[in-house]
C-alpha cells in the first residue's frame, strides 16, 4: 500500500528562487494539476528521472512542465511531455512555506 503523500529532497538549481538545492518538500500524490502548480513528475522520454517543475499547460495526454530558472533547467523543452506524480504542497525545511499557483 502506498501512502497518499511523500517527502523529497530537492537537488539542483532548476526551481530557484522558489526552491533551492537542499530544500525538503512535502508532496501529495495526484495526477491532476493546474497551470502554475509546482509538481513532481517523470518525463516519458526519461522515466528514470524524477523532477520538480512548474506546470505550464496540459499537452495532449500529458503535461508541459518547466523550471523556474531558465538558465539551469532541463524541462519539457528538452524531454517533452511529463506525467505528474504529485503536487508539492509545502517546503518543510529549511523554512516552512506553502506553495500557490504562480500568477500569470
PDB file of N, CA and C in Angstrom:
ATOM      1  N   UNK A   1       0.837  -1.181   0.000  1.00  0.00           N
ATOM      2  CA  UNK A   1       0.000   0.000   0.000  1.00  0.00           C
ATOM      3  C   UNK A   1       0.885   1.249   0.000  1.00  0.00           C
ATOM      4  N   UNK A   2       0.581   2.174  -0.900  1.00  0.00           N
ATOM      5  CA  UNK A   2       1.325   3.433  -0.962  1.00  0.00           C
ATOM      6  C   UNK A   2       0.600   4.503  -0.167  1.00  0.00           C
ATOM      7  N   UNK A   3       1.387   5.293   0.530  1.00  0.00           N
ATOM      8  CA  UNK A   3       0.809   6.430   1.242  1.00  0.00           C
ATOM      9  C   UNK A   3       0.359   7.486   0.234  1.00  0.00           C
ATOM     10  N   UNK A   4      -0.639   8.310   0.571  1.00  0.00           N
ATOM     11  CA  UNK A   4      -1.103   9.340  -0.354  1.00  0.00           C
ATOM     12  C   UNK A   4      -0.173  10.558  -0.408  1.00  0.00           C
ATOM     13  N   UNK A   5       0.932  10.504   0.304  1.00  0.00           N
ATOM     14  CA  UNK A   5       1.889  11.613   0.328  1.00  0.00           C
ATOM     15  C   UNK A   5       3.294  11.044   0.460  1.00  0.00           C
ATOM     16  N   UNK A   6       4.291  11.866   0.165  1.00  0.00           N
ATOM     17  CA  UNK A   6       5.682  11.506   0.391  1.00  0.00           C
ATOM     18  C   UNK A   6       6.516  12.776   0.487  1.00  0.00           C
ATOM     19  N   UNK A   7       7.724  12.629   0.985  1.00  0.00           N
ATOM     20  CA  UNK A   7       8.651  13.755   1.111  1.00  0.00           C
ATOM     21  C   UNK A   7       9.796  13.533   0.129  1.00  0.00           C
ATOM     22  N   UNK A   8      10.440  14.622  -0.286  1.00  0.00           N
ATOM     23  CA  UNK A   8      11.558  14.535  -1.218  1.00  0.00           C
ATOM     24  C   UNK A   8      12.570  15.628  -0.920  1.00  0.00           C
ATOM     25  N   UNK A   9      13.770  15.417  -1.409  1.00  0.00           N
ATOM     26  CA  UNK A   9      14.863  16.363  -1.274  1.00  0.00           C
ATOM     27  C   UNK A   9      15.135  16.977  -2.641  1.00  0.00           C
ATOM     28  N   UNK A  10      15.151  18.307  -2.717  1.00  0.00           N
ATOM     29  CA  UNK A  10      15.412  18.999  -3.983  1.00  0.00           C
ATOM     30  C   UNK A  10      16.906  18.951  -4.277  1.00  0.00           C
ATOM     31  N   UNK A  11      17.226  18.583  -5.512  1.00  0.00           N
ATOM     32  CA  UNK A  11      18.621  18.516  -5.933  1.00  0.00           C
ATOM     33  C   UNK A  11      18.794  19.360  -7.190  1.00  0.00           C
ATOM     34  N   UNK A  12      19.629  20.373  -7.120  1.00  0.00           N
ATOM     35  CA  UNK A  12      19.886  21.222  -8.280  1.00  0.00           C
ATOM     36  C   UNK A  12      19.166  22.553  -8.216  1.00  0.00           C
ATOM     37  N   UNK A  13      19.541  23.476  -9.122  1.00  0.00           N
ATOM     38  CA  UNK A  13      19.037  24.853  -9.089  1.00  0.00           C
ATOM     39  C   UNK A  13      17.874  25.148 -10.033  1.00  0.00           C
ATOM     40  N   UNK A  14      17.255  24.153 -10.651  1.00  0.00           N
ATOM     41  CA  UNK A  14      16.281  24.431 -11.714  1.00  0.00           C
ATOM     42  C   UNK A  14      15.017  25.154 -11.245  1.00  0.00           C
ATOM     43  N   UNK A  15      14.687  25.093  -9.963  1.00  0.00           N
ATOM     44  CA  UNK A  15      13.469  25.745  -9.473  1.00  0.00           C
ATOM     45  C   UNK A  15      13.749  26.996  -8.640  1.00  0.00           C
ATOM     46  N   UNK A  16      14.999  27.464  -8.634  1.00  0.00           N
ATOM     47  CA  UNK A  16      15.328  28.697  -7.903  1.00  0.00           C
ATOM     48  C   UNK A  16      14.643  29.874  -8.576  1.00  0.00           C
ATOM     49  N   UNK A  17      14.090  30.797  -7.857  1.00  0.00           N
ATOM     50  CA  UNK A  17      14.209  31.014  -6.424  1.00  0.00           C
ATOM     51  C   UNK A  17      13.126  30.343  -5.581  1.00  0.00           C
ATOM     52  N   UNK A  18      12.115  29.714  -6.168  1.00  0.00           N
ATOM     53  CA  UNK A  18      11.037  29.106  -5.381  1.00  0.00           C
ATOM     54  C   UNK A  18      11.560  27.973  -4.504  1.00  0.00           C
ATOM     55  N   UNK A  19      12.388  27.111  -5.069  1.00  0.00           N
ATOM     56  CA  UNK A  19      13.013  26.014  -4.334  1.00  0.00           C
ATOM     57  C   UNK A  19      14.497  26.010  -4.638  1.00  0.00           C
ATOM     58  N   UNK A  20      15.279  25.670  -3.635  1.00  0.00           N
ATOM     59  CA  UNK A  20      16.737  25.642  -3.811  1.00  0.00           C
ATOM     60  C   UNK A  20      17.286  24.260  -3.486  1.00  0.00           C
ATOM     61  N   UNK A  21      18.484  23.999  -3.965  1.00  0.00           N
ATOM     62  CA  UNK A  21      19.173  22.749  -3.683  1.00  0.00           C
ATOM     63  C   UNK A  21      19.201  22.513  -2.175  1.00  0.00           C
ATOM     64  N   UNK A  22      18.775  21.347  -1.734  1.00  0.00           N
ATOM     65  CA  UNK A  22      18.773  21.020  -0.311  1.00  0.00           C
ATOM     66  C   UNK A  22      17.445  21.224   0.384  1.00  0.00           C
ATOM     67  N   UNK A  23      16.488  21.886  -0.264  1.00  0.00           N
ATOM     68  CA  UNK A  23      15.164  22.052   0.346  1.00  0.00           C
ATOM     69  C   UNK A  23      14.478  20.697   0.446  1.00  0.00           C
ATOM     70  N   UNK A  24      13.702  20.533   1.498  1.00  0.00           N
ATOM     71  CA  UNK A  24      12.901  19.325   1.669  1.00  0.00           C
ATOM     72  C   UNK A  24      11.443  19.710   1.460  1.00  0.00           C
ATOM     73  N   UNK A  25      10.759  18.909   0.633  1.00  0.00           N
ATOM     74  CA  UNK A  25       9.389  19.252   0.246  1.00  0.00           C
ATOM     75  C   UNK A  25       8.431  18.113   0.559  1.00  0.00           C
ATOM     76  N   UNK A  26       7.171  18.464   0.735  1.00  0.00           N
ATOM     77  CA  UNK A  26       6.080  17.529   1.018  1.00  0.00           C
ATOM     78  C   UNK A  26       5.192  17.466  -0.212  1.00  0.00           C
ATOM     79  N   UNK A  27       4.913  16.263  -0.698  1.00  0.00           N
ATOM     80  CA  UNK A  27       4.168  16.069  -1.946  1.00  0.00           C
ATOM     81  C   UNK A  27       2.931  15.214  -1.687  1.00  0.00           C
ATOM     82  N   UNK A  28       1.803  15.626  -2.235  1.00  0.00           N
ATOM     83  CA  UNK A  28       0.577  14.838  -2.197  1.00  0.00           C
ATOM     84  C   UNK A  28       0.442  14.155  -3.546  1.00  0.00           C
ATOM     85  N   UNK A  29       0.288  12.824  -3.544  1.00  0.00           N
ATOM     86  CA  UNK A  29       0.162  12.074  -4.799  1.00  0.00           C
ATOM     87  C   UNK A  29      -1.133  12.446  -5.515  1.00  0.00           C
ATOM     88  N   UNK A  30      -1.006  12.814  -6.773  1.00  0.00           N
ATOM     89  CA  UNK A  30      -2.152  13.104  -7.625  1.00  0.00           C
ATOM     90  C   UNK A  30      -1.658  13.194  -9.059  1.00  0.00           C
ATOM     91  N   UNK A  31      -2.510  12.865  -9.997  1.00  0.00           N
ATOM     92  CA  UNK A  31      -2.167  13.006 -11.416  1.00  0.00           C
ATOM     93  C   UNK A  31      -2.767  14.288 -11.977  1.00  0.00           C
ATOM     94  N   UNK A  32      -3.503  15.010 -11.138  1.00  0.00           N
ATOM     95  CA  UNK A  32      -4.172  16.231 -11.581  1.00  0.00           C
ATOM     96  C   UNK A  32      -3.361  17.459 -11.182  1.00  0.00           C
ATOM     97  N   UNK A  33      -3.309  18.421 -12.087  1.00  0.00           N
ATOM     98  CA  UNK A  33      -2.594  19.668 -11.809  1.00  0.00           C
ATOM     99  C   UNK A  33      -3.216  20.786 -12.630  1.00  0.00           C
ATOM    100  N   UNK A  34      -2.878  21.997 -12.244  1.00  0.00           N
ATOM    101  CA  UNK A  34      -3.314  23.181 -12.993  1.00  0.00           C
ATOM    102  C   UNK A  34      -2.085  24.003 -13.331  1.00  0.00           C
ATOM    103  N   UNK A  35      -2.158  24.791 -14.389  1.00  0.00           N
ATOM    104  CA  UNK A  35      -1.018  25.652 -14.715  1.00  0.00           C
ATOM    105  C   UNK A  35      -0.603  26.498 -13.515  1.00  0.00           C
ATOM    106  N   UNK A  36       0.692  26.528 -13.259  1.00  0.00           N
ATOM    107  CA  UNK A  36       1.232  27.261 -12.126  1.00  0.00           C
ATOM    108  C   UNK A  36       1.553  26.389 -10.931  1.00  0.00           C
ATOM    109  N   UNK A  37       0.993  25.177 -10.854  1.00  0.00           N
ATOM    110  CA  UNK A  37       1.289  24.277  -9.746  1.00  0.00           C
ATOM    111  C   UNK A  37       2.730  23.799  -9.816  1.00  0.00           C
ATOM    112  N   UNK A  38       3.370  23.642  -8.658  1.00  0.00           N
ATOM    113  CA  UNK A  38       4.693  23.027  -8.571  1.00  0.00           C
ATOM    114  C   UNK A  38       4.449  21.537  -8.320  1.00  0.00           C
ATOM    115  N   UNK A  39       5.052  20.699  -9.163  1.00  0.00           N
ATOM    116  CA  UNK A  39       4.767  19.270  -9.121  1.00  0.00           C
ATOM    117  C   UNK A  39       6.046  18.442  -9.168  1.00  0.00           C
ATOM    118  N   UNK A  40       5.905  17.182  -8.799  1.00  0.00           N
ATOM    119  CA  UNK A  40       6.931  16.173  -9.030  1.00  0.00           C
ATOM    120  C   UNK A  40       6.431  15.364 -10.214  1.00  0.00           C
ATOM    121  N   UNK A  41       7.301  15.149 -11.199  1.00  0.00           N
ATOM    122  CA  UNK A  41       6.880  14.492 -12.442  1.00  0.00           C
ATOM    123  C   UNK A  41       7.995  13.609 -12.989  1.00  0.00           C
ATOM    124  N   UNK A  42       7.614  12.780 -13.977  1.00  0.00           N
ATOM    125  CA  UNK A  42       8.564  11.969 -14.746  1.00  0.00           C
ATOM    126  C   UNK A  42       8.346  12.280 -16.215  1.00  0.00           C
ATOM    127  N   UNK A  43       9.433  12.514 -16.927  1.00  0.00           N
ATOM    128  CA  UNK A  43       9.340  12.694 -18.374  1.00  0.00           C
ATOM    129  C   UNK A  43       9.168  11.333 -19.028  1.00  0.00           C
ATOM    130  N   UNK A  44       8.326  11.255 -20.034  1.00  0.00           N
ATOM    131  CA  UNK A  44       8.107   9.989 -20.726  1.00  0.00           C
ATOM    132  C   UNK A  44       9.366   9.513 -21.428  1.00  0.00           C
ATOM    133  N   UNK A  45      10.178  10.440 -21.889  1.00  0.00           N
ATOM    134  CA  UNK A  45      11.420  10.068 -22.564  1.00  0.00           C
ATOM    135  C   UNK A  45      12.538   9.714 -21.579  1.00  0.00           C
ATOM    136  N   UNK A  46      12.348  10.040 -20.297  1.00  0.00           N
ATOM    137  CA  UNK A  46      13.334   9.736 -19.242  1.00  0.00           C
ATOM    138  C   UNK A  46      12.614   9.242 -17.994  1.00  0.00           C
ATOM    139  N   UNK A  47      12.017   8.048 -18.027  1.00  0.00           N
ATOM    140  CA  UNK A  47      11.240   7.569 -16.875  1.00  0.00           C
ATOM    141  C   UNK A  47      12.077   7.336 -15.618  1.00  0.00           C
ATOM    142  N   UNK A  48      13.395   7.285 -15.760  1.00  0.00           N
ATOM    143  CA  UNK A  48      14.274   7.111 -14.609  1.00  0.00           C
ATOM    144  C   UNK A  48      14.513   8.412 -13.850  1.00  0.00           C
ATOM    145  N   UNK A  49      14.108   9.539 -14.421  1.00  0.00           N
ATOM    146  CA  UNK A  49      14.386  10.859 -13.862  1.00  0.00           C
ATOM    147  C   UNK A  49      13.145  11.440 -13.185  1.00  0.00           C
ATOM    148  N   UNK A  50      13.225  11.646 -11.876  1.00  0.00           N
ATOM    149  CA  UNK A  50      12.145  12.266 -11.110  1.00  0.00           C
ATOM    150  C   UNK A  50      12.501  13.734 -10.947  1.00  0.00           C
ATOM    151  N   UNK A  51      11.603  14.656 -11.344  1.00  0.00           N
ATOM    152  CA  UNK A  51      11.911  16.084 -11.347  1.00  0.00           C
ATOM    153  C   UNK A  51      10.860  16.895 -10.596  1.00  0.00           C
ATOM    154  N   UNK A  52      11.273  18.064 -10.135  1.00  0.00           N
ATOM    155  CA  UNK A  52      10.356  19.047  -9.551  1.00  0.00           C
ATOM    156  C   UNK A  52      10.296  20.206 -10.537  1.00  0.00           C
ATOM    157  N   UNK A  53       9.092  20.497 -11.045  1.00  0.00           N
ATOM    158  CA  UNK A  53       8.914  21.544 -12.050  1.00  0.00           C
ATOM    159  C   UNK A  53       7.580  22.250 -11.824  1.00  0.00           C
ATOM    160  N   UNK A  54       7.359  23.307 -12.593  1.00  0.00           N
ATOM    161  CA  UNK A  54       6.096  24.044 -12.560  1.00  0.00           C
ATOM    162  C   UNK A  54       5.295  23.684 -13.808  1.00  0.00           C
ATOM    163  N   UNK A  55       4.007  23.410 -13.613  1.00  0.00           N
ATOM    164  CA  UNK A  55       3.138  23.063 -14.743  1.00  0.00           C
ATOM    165  C   UNK A  55       2.895  24.306 -15.582  1.00  0.00           C
ATOM    166  N   UNK A  56       3.144  24.193 -16.870  1.00  0.00           N
ATOM    167  CA  UNK A  56       2.864  25.301 -17.773  1.00  0.00           C
ATOM    168  C   UNK A  56       1.514  25.108 -18.463  1.00  0.00           C
ATOM    169  N   UNK A  57       1.264  23.863 -18.939  1.00  0.00           N
ATOM    170  CA  UNK A  57      -0.014  23.598 -19.618  1.00  0.00           C
ATOM    171  C   UNK A  57      -0.205  22.102 -19.793  1.00  0.00           C
ATOM    172  N   UNK A  58      -1.467  21.726 -20.041  1.00  0.00           N
ATOM    173  CA  UNK A  58      -1.760  20.352 -20.451  1.00  0.00           C
ATOM    174  C   UNK A  58      -1.322  20.221 -21.902  1.00  0.00           C
ATOM    175  N   UNK A  59      -0.774  19.066 -22.254  1.00  0.00           N
ATOM    176  CA  UNK A  59      -0.272  18.850 -23.608  1.00  0.00           C
ATOM    177  C   UNK A  59      -0.713  17.472 -24.070  1.00  0.00           C
ATOM    178  N   UNK A  60      -1.850  17.419 -24.733  1.00  0.00           N
ATOM    179  CA  UNK A  60      -2.396  16.126 -25.153  1.00  0.00           C
ATOM    180  C   UNK A  60      -2.774  15.314 -23.936  1.00  0.00           C
ATOM    181  N   UNK A  61      -2.190  14.130 -23.820  1.00  0.00           N
ATOM    182  CA  UNK A  61      -2.472  13.276 -22.663  1.00  0.00           C
ATOM    183  C   UNK A  61      -1.372  13.372 -21.605  1.00  0.00           C
ATOM    184  N   UNK A  62      -0.566  14.424 -21.650  1.00  0.00           N
ATOM    185  CA  UNK A  62       0.498  14.652 -20.670  1.00  0.00           C
ATOM    186  C   UNK A  62       0.541  16.106 -20.253  1.00  0.00           C
ATOM    187  N   UNK A  63       1.659  16.508 -19.670  1.00  0.00           N
ATOM    188  CA  UNK A  63       1.818  17.871 -19.161  1.00  0.00           C
ATOM    189  C   UNK A  63       3.113  18.466 -19.662  1.00  0.00           C
ATOM    190  N   UNK A  64       3.091  19.758 -19.917  1.00  0.00           N
ATOM    191  CA  UNK A  64       4.279  20.515 -20.285  1.00  0.00           C
ATOM    192  C   UNK A  64       4.743  21.196 -19.015  1.00  0.00           C
ATOM    193  N   UNK A  65       5.937  20.848 -18.536  1.00  0.00           N
ATOM    194  CA  UNK A  65       6.444  21.376 -17.275  1.00  0.00           C
ATOM    195  C   UNK A  65       7.768  22.101 -17.512  1.00  0.00           C
ATOM    196  N   UNK A  66       7.988  23.157 -16.740  1.00  0.00           N
ATOM    197  CA  UNK A  66       9.196  23.969 -16.894  1.00  0.00           C
ATOM    198  C   UNK A  66       9.781  24.299 -15.529  1.00  0.00           C
ATOM    199  N   UNK A  67      11.079  24.577 -15.514  1.00  0.00           N
ATOM    200  CA  UNK A  67      11.738  25.028 -14.300  1.00  0.00           C
ATOM    201  C   UNK A  67      11.602  26.534 -14.164  1.00  0.00           C
ATOM    202  N   UNK A  68      11.705  27.032 -12.947  1.00  0.00           N
ATOM    203  CA  UNK A  68      11.632  28.476 -12.710  1.00  0.00           C
ATOM    204  C   UNK A  68      12.921  29.186 -13.117  1.00  0.00           C
ATOM    205  N   UNK A  69      14.028  28.458 -13.185  1.00  0.00           N
ATOM    206  CA  UNK A  69      15.321  29.028 -13.528  1.00  0.00           C
ATOM    207  C   UNK A  69      15.667  28.635 -14.967  1.00  0.00           C
ATOM    208  N   UNK A  70      15.442  29.520 -15.938  1.00  0.00           N
ATOM    209  CA  UNK A  70      15.655  29.155 -17.342  1.00  0.00           C
ATOM    210  C   UNK A  70      17.122  28.894 -17.692  1.00  0.00           C
ATOM    211  N   UNK A  71      18.052  29.322 -16.850  1.00  0.00           N
ATOM    212  CA  UNK A  71      19.470  29.128 -17.129  1.00  0.00           C
ATOM    213  C   UNK A  71      19.999  27.794 -16.611  1.00  0.00           C
ATOM    214  N   UNK A  72      19.214  27.089 -15.805  1.00  0.00           N
ATOM    215  CA  UNK A  72      19.700  25.838 -15.214  1.00  0.00           C
ATOM    216  C   UNK A  72      18.597  24.799 -15.131  1.00  0.00           C
ATOM    217  N   UNK A  73      17.799  24.683 -16.182  1.00  0.00           N
ATOM    218  CA  UNK A  73      16.669  23.779 -16.112  1.00  0.00           C
ATOM    219  C   UNK A  73      16.549  22.916 -17.362  1.00  0.00           C
ATOM    220  N   UNK A  74      16.522  21.603 -17.153  1.00  0.00           N
ATOM    221  CA  UNK A  74      16.163  20.676 -18.219  1.00  0.00           C
ATOM    222  C   UNK A  74      14.697  20.345 -17.993  1.00  0.00           C
ATOM    223  N   UNK A  75      13.857  20.767 -18.922  1.00  0.00           N
ATOM    224  CA  UNK A  75      12.419  20.614 -18.726  1.00  0.00           C
ATOM    225  C   UNK A  75      11.773  20.076 -19.992  1.00  0.00           C
ATOM    226  N   UNK A  76      10.505  20.354 -20.198  1.00  0.00           N
ATOM    227  CA  UNK A  76       9.786  19.832 -21.361  1.00  0.00           C
ATOM    228  C   UNK A  76      10.356  20.322 -22.681  1.00  0.00           C
ATOM    229  N   UNK A  77      11.063  21.438 -22.676  1.00  0.00           N
ATOM    230  CA  UNK A  77      11.726  21.901 -23.896  1.00  0.00           C
ATOM    231  C   UNK A  77      12.715  20.852 -24.397  1.00  0.00           C
ATOM    232  N   UNK A  78      13.327  20.148 -23.463  1.00  0.00           N
ATOM    233  CA  UNK A  78      14.327  19.141 -23.817  1.00  0.00           C
ATOM    234  C   UNK A  78      13.759  17.728 -23.867  1.00  0.00           C
ATOM    235  N   UNK A  79      12.891  17.375 -22.913  1.00  0.00           N
ATOM    236  CA  UNK A  79      12.434  15.999 -22.767  1.00  0.00           C
ATOM    237  C   UNK A  79      10.989  15.739 -23.178  1.00  0.00           C
ATOM    238  N   UNK A  80      10.225  16.768 -23.494  1.00  0.00           N
ATOM    239  CA  UNK A  80       8.847  16.568 -23.936  1.00  0.00           C
ATOM    240  C   UNK A  80       7.859  16.435 -22.789  1.00  0.00           C
ATOM    241  N   UNK A  81       6.774  15.741 -23.063  1.00  0.00           N
ATOM    242  CA  UNK A  81       5.685  15.606 -22.086  1.00  0.00           C
ATOM    243  C   UNK A  81       6.117  14.877 -20.828  1.00  0.00           C
ATOM    244  N   UNK A  82       5.412  15.226 -19.741  1.00  0.00           N
ATOM    245  CA  UNK A  82       5.681  14.598 -18.449  1.00  0.00           C
ATOM    246  C   UNK A  82       4.380  14.068 -17.865  1.00  0.00           C
ATOM    247  N   UNK A  83       4.512  13.099 -16.978  1.00  0.00           N
ATOM    248  CA  UNK A  83       3.390  12.581 -16.208  1.00  0.00           C
ATOM    249  C   UNK A  83       3.550  13.054 -14.773  1.00  0.00           C
ATOM    250  N   UNK A  84       2.483  13.591 -14.211  1.00  0.00           N
ATOM    251  CA  UNK A  84       2.506  14.129 -12.851  1.00  0.00           C
ATOM    252  C   UNK A  84       2.448  12.977 -11.856  1.00  0.00           C
ATOM    253  N   UNK A  85       3.333  13.005 -10.870  1.00  0.00           N
ATOM    254  CA  UNK A  85       3.348  12.027  -9.778  1.00  0.00           C
ATOM    255  C   UNK A  85       2.610  12.611  -8.572  1.00  0.00           C
ATOM    256  N   UNK A  86       2.823  13.908  -8.319  1.00  0.00           N
ATOM    257  CA  UNK A  86       2.190  14.553  -7.180  1.00  0.00           C
ATOM    258  C   UNK A  86       2.416  16.054  -7.204  1.00  0.00           C
ATOM    259  N   UNK A  87       1.673  16.743  -6.356  1.00  0.00           N
ATOM    260  CA  UNK A  87       1.741  18.203  -6.272  1.00  0.00           C
ATOM    261  C   UNK A  87       2.474  18.592  -4.989  1.00  0.00           C
ATOM    262  N   UNK A  88       3.443  19.484  -5.121  1.00  0.00           N
ATOM    263  CA  UNK A  88       4.193  19.969  -3.960  1.00  0.00           C
ATOM    264  C   UNK A  88       3.265  20.896  -3.174  1.00  0.00           C
ATOM    265  N   UNK A  89       3.078  20.584  -1.891  1.00  0.00           N
ATOM    266  CA  UNK A  89       2.177  21.399  -1.080  1.00  0.00           C
ATOM    267  C   UNK A  89       2.923  22.378  -0.187  1.00  0.00           C
ATOM    268  N   UNK A  90       4.088  21.967   0.333  1.00  0.00           N
ATOM    269  CA  UNK A  90       4.885  22.916   1.100  1.00  0.00           C
ATOM    270  C   UNK A  90       6.323  22.442   1.255  1.00  0.00           C
ATOM    271  N   UNK A  91       7.183  23.404   1.567  1.00  0.00           N
ATOM    272  CA  UNK A  91       8.578  23.124   1.892  1.00  0.00           C
ATOM    273  C   UNK A  91       8.659  23.074   3.409  1.00  0.00           C
ATOM    274  N   UNK A  92       9.198  21.995   3.965  1.00  0.00           N
ATOM    275  CA  UNK A  92       9.259  21.885   5.417  1.00  0.00           C
ATOM    276  C   UNK A  92      10.655  22.078   5.982  1.00  0.00           C
ATOM    277  N   UNK A  93      11.642  22.230   5.123  1.00  0.00           N
ATOM    278  CA  UNK A  93      12.995  22.546   5.574  1.00  0.00           C
ATOM    279  C   UNK A  93      13.698  23.302   4.481  1.00  0.00           C
ATOM    280  N   UNK A  94      14.381  24.356   4.669  1.00  0.00           N
ATOM    281  CA  UNK A  94      14.791  24.891   5.954  1.00  0.00           C
ATOM    282  C   UNK A  94      13.750  25.774   6.626  1.00  0.00           C
ATOM    283  N   UNK A  95      12.810  26.333   5.898  1.00  0.00           N
ATOM    284  CA  UNK A  95      11.792  27.190   6.492  1.00  0.00           C
ATOM    285  C   UNK A  95      10.460  26.844   5.842  1.00  0.00           C
ATOM    286  N   UNK A  96       9.444  26.484   6.627  1.00  0.00           N
ATOM    287  CA  UNK A  96       8.164  26.091   6.036  1.00  0.00           C
ATOM    288  C   UNK A  96       7.541  27.191   5.158  1.00  0.00           C
ATOM    289  N   UNK A  97       7.091  26.797   3.979  1.00  0.00           N
ATOM    290  CA  UNK A  97       6.437  27.711   3.039  1.00  0.00           C
ATOM    291  C   UNK A  97       5.366  26.927   2.292  1.00  0.00           C
ATOM    292  N   UNK A  98       4.172  27.500   2.176  1.00  0.00           N
ATOM    293  CA  UNK A  98       3.106  26.881   1.379  1.00  0.00           C
ATOM    294  C   UNK A  98       3.232  27.370  -0.060  1.00  0.00           C
ATOM    295  N   UNK A  99       2.913  26.490  -1.006  1.00  0.00           N
ATOM    296  CA  UNK A  99       3.004  26.860  -2.420  1.00  0.00           C
ATOM    297  C   UNK A  99       1.624  27.148  -2.970  1.00  0.00           C
ATOM    298  N   UNK A 100       1.579  28.169  -3.786  1.00  0.00           N
ATOM    299  CA  UNK A 100       0.362  28.514  -4.516  1.00  0.00           C
ATOM    300  C   UNK A 100       0.726  28.600  -5.975  1.00  0.00           C
ATOM    301  N   UNK A 101      -0.272  28.508  -6.819  1.00  0.00           N
ATOM    302  CA  UNK A 101      -0.025  28.628  -8.271  1.00  0.00           C
ATOM    303  C   UNK A 101       0.578  29.991  -8.577  1.00  0.00           C
ATOM    304  N   UNK A 102       1.444  30.006  -9.532  1.00  0.00           N
ATOM    305  CA  UNK A 102       2.036  31.273  -9.992  1.00  0.00           C
ATOM    306  C   UNK A 102       0.968  32.075 -10.709  1.00  0.00           C
ATOM    307  N   UNK A 103       1.014  33.349 -10.530  1.00  0.00           N
ATOM    308  CA  UNK A 103       0.059  34.218 -11.230  1.00  0.00           C
ATOM    309  C   UNK A 103       0.623  34.592 -12.568  1.00  0.00           C
ATOM    310  N   UNK A 104      -0.239  34.580 -13.574  1.00  0.00           N
ATOM    311  CA  UNK A 104       0.209  34.896 -14.938  1.00  0.00           C
ATOM    312  C   UNK A 104       0.233  36.385 -15.176  1.00  0.00           C
TER     313      UNK A 104
END
